[in-house]
C-alpha atoms as a PDB file:
ATOM      1  CA  UNK A   1     152.544 214.740 133.340  1.00  0.00           C
ATOM      2  CA  UNK A   2     152.278 215.803 129.676  1.00  0.00           C
ATOM      3  CA  UNK A   3     153.731 219.198 130.468  1.00  0.00           C
ATOM      4  CA  UNK A   4     157.004 217.232 131.343  1.00  0.00           C
ATOM      5  CA  UNK A   5     157.092 216.014 127.753  1.00  0.00           C
ATOM      6  CA  UNK A   6     157.757 211.893 128.629  1.00  0.00           C
ATOM      7  CA  UNK A   7     158.897 209.853 125.773  1.00  0.00           C
ATOM      8  CA  UNK A   8     155.878 207.736 126.278  1.00  0.00           C
ATOM      9  CA  UNK A   9     152.228 208.033 128.156  1.00  0.00           C
ATOM     10  CA  UNK A  10     149.670 205.505 128.301  1.00  0.00           C
ATOM     11  CA  UNK A  11     146.628 205.886 130.186  1.00  0.00           C
ATOM     12  CA  UNK A  12     145.803 202.373 129.799  1.00  0.00           C
ATOM     13  CA  UNK A  13     141.707 203.247 129.787  1.00  0.00           C
ATOM     14  CA  UNK A  14     140.795 201.567 126.407  1.00  0.00           C
ATOM     15  CA  UNK A  15     137.509 199.270 126.428  1.00  0.00           C
ATOM     16  CA  UNK A  16     138.181 197.484 123.455  1.00  0.00           C
ATOM     17  CA  UNK A  17     140.981 196.962 120.796  1.00  0.00           C
ATOM     18  CA  UNK A  18     144.602 195.664 120.528  1.00  0.00           C
ATOM     19  CA  UNK A  19     146.454 198.623 121.319  1.00  0.00           C
ATOM     20  CA  UNK A  20     147.456 200.987 124.511  1.00  0.00           C
ATOM     21  CA  UNK A  21     147.292 204.345 122.911  1.00  0.00           C
ATOM     22  CA  UNK A  22     150.457 206.353 123.368  1.00  0.00           C
ATOM     23  CA  UNK A  23     149.160 210.406 124.379  1.00  0.00           C
ATOM     24  CA  UNK A  24     152.904 211.465 124.723  1.00  0.00           C
ATOM     25  CA  UNK A  25     152.945 212.299 120.707  1.00  0.00           C
ATOM     26  CA  UNK A  26     155.824 210.430 119.955  1.00  0.00           C
ATOM     27  CA  UNK A  27     153.889 207.263 118.867  1.00  0.00           C
ATOM     28  CA  UNK A  28     154.790 204.375 120.708  1.00  0.00           C
ATOM     29  CA  UNK A  29     151.972 202.755 121.320  1.00  0.00           C
ATOM     30  CA  UNK A  30     152.135 199.345 123.253  1.00  0.00           C
ATOM     31  CA  UNK A  31     150.173 196.126 121.924  1.00  0.00           C
ATOM     32  CA  UNK A  32     148.222 194.262 124.328  1.00  0.00           C
ATOM     33  CA  UNK A  33     149.290 190.729 125.154  1.00  0.00           C
ATOM     34  CA  UNK A  34     147.424 187.683 126.365  1.00  0.00           C
ATOM     35  CA  UNK A  35     143.635 189.206 126.277  1.00  0.00           C
ATOM     36  CA  UNK A  36     143.513 191.589 129.401  1.00  0.00           C
ATOM     37  CA  UNK A  37     140.411 192.683 130.710  1.00  0.00           C
ATOM     38  CA  UNK A  38     139.919 196.681 129.066  1.00  0.00           C
ATOM     39  CA  UNK A  39     137.318 199.123 130.446  1.00  0.00           C
ATOM     40  CA  UNK A  40     137.030 198.330 134.106  1.00  0.00           C
ATOM     41  CA  UNK A  41     136.240 200.771 136.282  1.00  0.00           C
ATOM     42  CA  UNK A  42     139.219 203.230 137.212  1.00  0.00           C
ATOM     43  CA  UNK A  43     141.068 204.311 140.083  1.00  0.00           C
ATOM     44  CA  UNK A  44     140.593 207.628 139.775  1.00  0.00           C
ATOM     45  CA  UNK A  45     137.207 210.084 139.192  1.00  0.00           C
ATOM     46  CA  UNK A  46     137.807 211.350 135.918  1.00  0.00           C
ATOM     47  CA  UNK A  47     134.591 211.136 133.296  1.00  0.00           C
ATOM     48  CA  UNK A  48     135.253 208.225 131.010  1.00  0.00           C
ATOM     49  CA  UNK A  49     138.185 206.605 132.828  1.00  0.00           C
ATOM     50  CA  UNK A  50     139.133 203.060 132.160  1.00  0.00           C
ATOM     51  CA  UNK A  51     141.054 200.267 133.498  1.00  0.00           C
ATOM     52  CA  UNK A  52     142.927 197.249 131.988  1.00  0.00           C
ATOM     53  CA  UNK A  53     143.048 194.465 134.369  1.00  0.00           C
ATOM     54  CA  UNK A  54     146.138 192.250 133.935  1.00  0.00           C
ATOM     55  CA  UNK A  55     146.748 188.517 135.209  1.00  0.00           C
ATOM     56  CA  UNK A  56     150.013 189.059 136.355  1.00  0.00           C
ATOM     57  CA  UNK A  57     151.348 186.475 134.498  1.00  0.00           C
ATOM     58  CA  UNK A  58     150.300 185.806 130.748  1.00  0.00           C
ATOM     59  CA  UNK A  59     148.991 189.461 129.974  1.00  0.00           C
ATOM     60  CA  UNK A  60     150.791 192.622 129.713  1.00  0.00           C
ATOM     61  CA  UNK A  61     151.153 195.873 127.253  1.00  0.00           C
ATOM     62  CA  UNK A  62     154.185 195.178 125.313  1.00  0.00           C
ATOM     63  CA  UNK A  63     156.385 198.081 124.838  1.00  0.00           C
ATOM     64  CA  UNK A  64     157.962 198.924 121.137  1.00  0.00           C
ATOM     65  CA  UNK A  65     161.881 199.321 121.236  1.00  0.00           C
ATOM     66  CA  UNK A  66     163.262 202.534 120.848  1.00  0.00           C
ATOM     67  CA  UNK A  67     165.963 204.347 122.080  1.00  0.00           C
ATOM     68  CA  UNK A  68     163.466 206.952 123.178  1.00  0.00           C
ATOM     69  CA  UNK A  69     163.513 204.267 126.184  1.00  0.00           C
ATOM     70  CA  UNK A  70     166.628 203.447 126.426  1.00  0.00           C
ATOM     71  CA  UNK A  71     168.478 203.629 130.379  1.00  0.00           C
ATOM     72  CA  UNK A  72     170.802 206.261 130.437  1.00  0.00           C
ATOM     73  CA  UNK A  73     171.825 208.761 132.980  1.00  0.00           C
ATOM     74  CA  UNK A  74     168.714 209.327 133.964  1.00  0.00           C
ATOM     75  CA  UNK A  75     164.630 208.625 133.759  1.00  0.00           C
ATOM     76  CA  UNK A  76     161.726 207.870 135.770  1.00  0.00           C
ATOM     77  CA  UNK A  77     158.326 205.676 135.350  1.00  0.00           C
ATOM     78  CA  UNK A  78     155.409 206.502 137.092  1.00  0.00           C
ATOM     79  CA  UNK A  79     152.295 204.130 137.965  1.00  0.00           C
ATOM     80  CA  UNK A  80     148.868 203.647 139.506  1.00  0.00           C
ATOM     81  CA  UNK A  81     148.294 200.000 140.197  1.00  0.00           C
ATOM     82  CA  UNK A  82     145.800 198.120 142.123  1.00  0.00           C
ATOM     83  CA  UNK A  83     147.075 194.883 143.414  1.00  0.00           C
ATOM     84  CA  UNK A  84     143.366 193.184 144.522  1.00  0.00           C
ATOM     85  CA  UNK A  85     139.944 193.489 142.711  1.00  0.00           C
END
């Protein structure tokens, strides 16, 4: 994924803190809102991976405003989501 030079890339595998770190190199960190549960079991088998659990209503990661995320002629988004515990 990083080889495609995304505008933002967040693993959302933090175990504590208030920031969902951007690994793209563009510095587009997100801020956790609503105190989601961090450091849960990951959906992957990569050592050290973790997950964030959000309640679907008041918990989310707030993205920064940036021209890098402006809707233009093309774009894509990718996510791994587990809808049940």
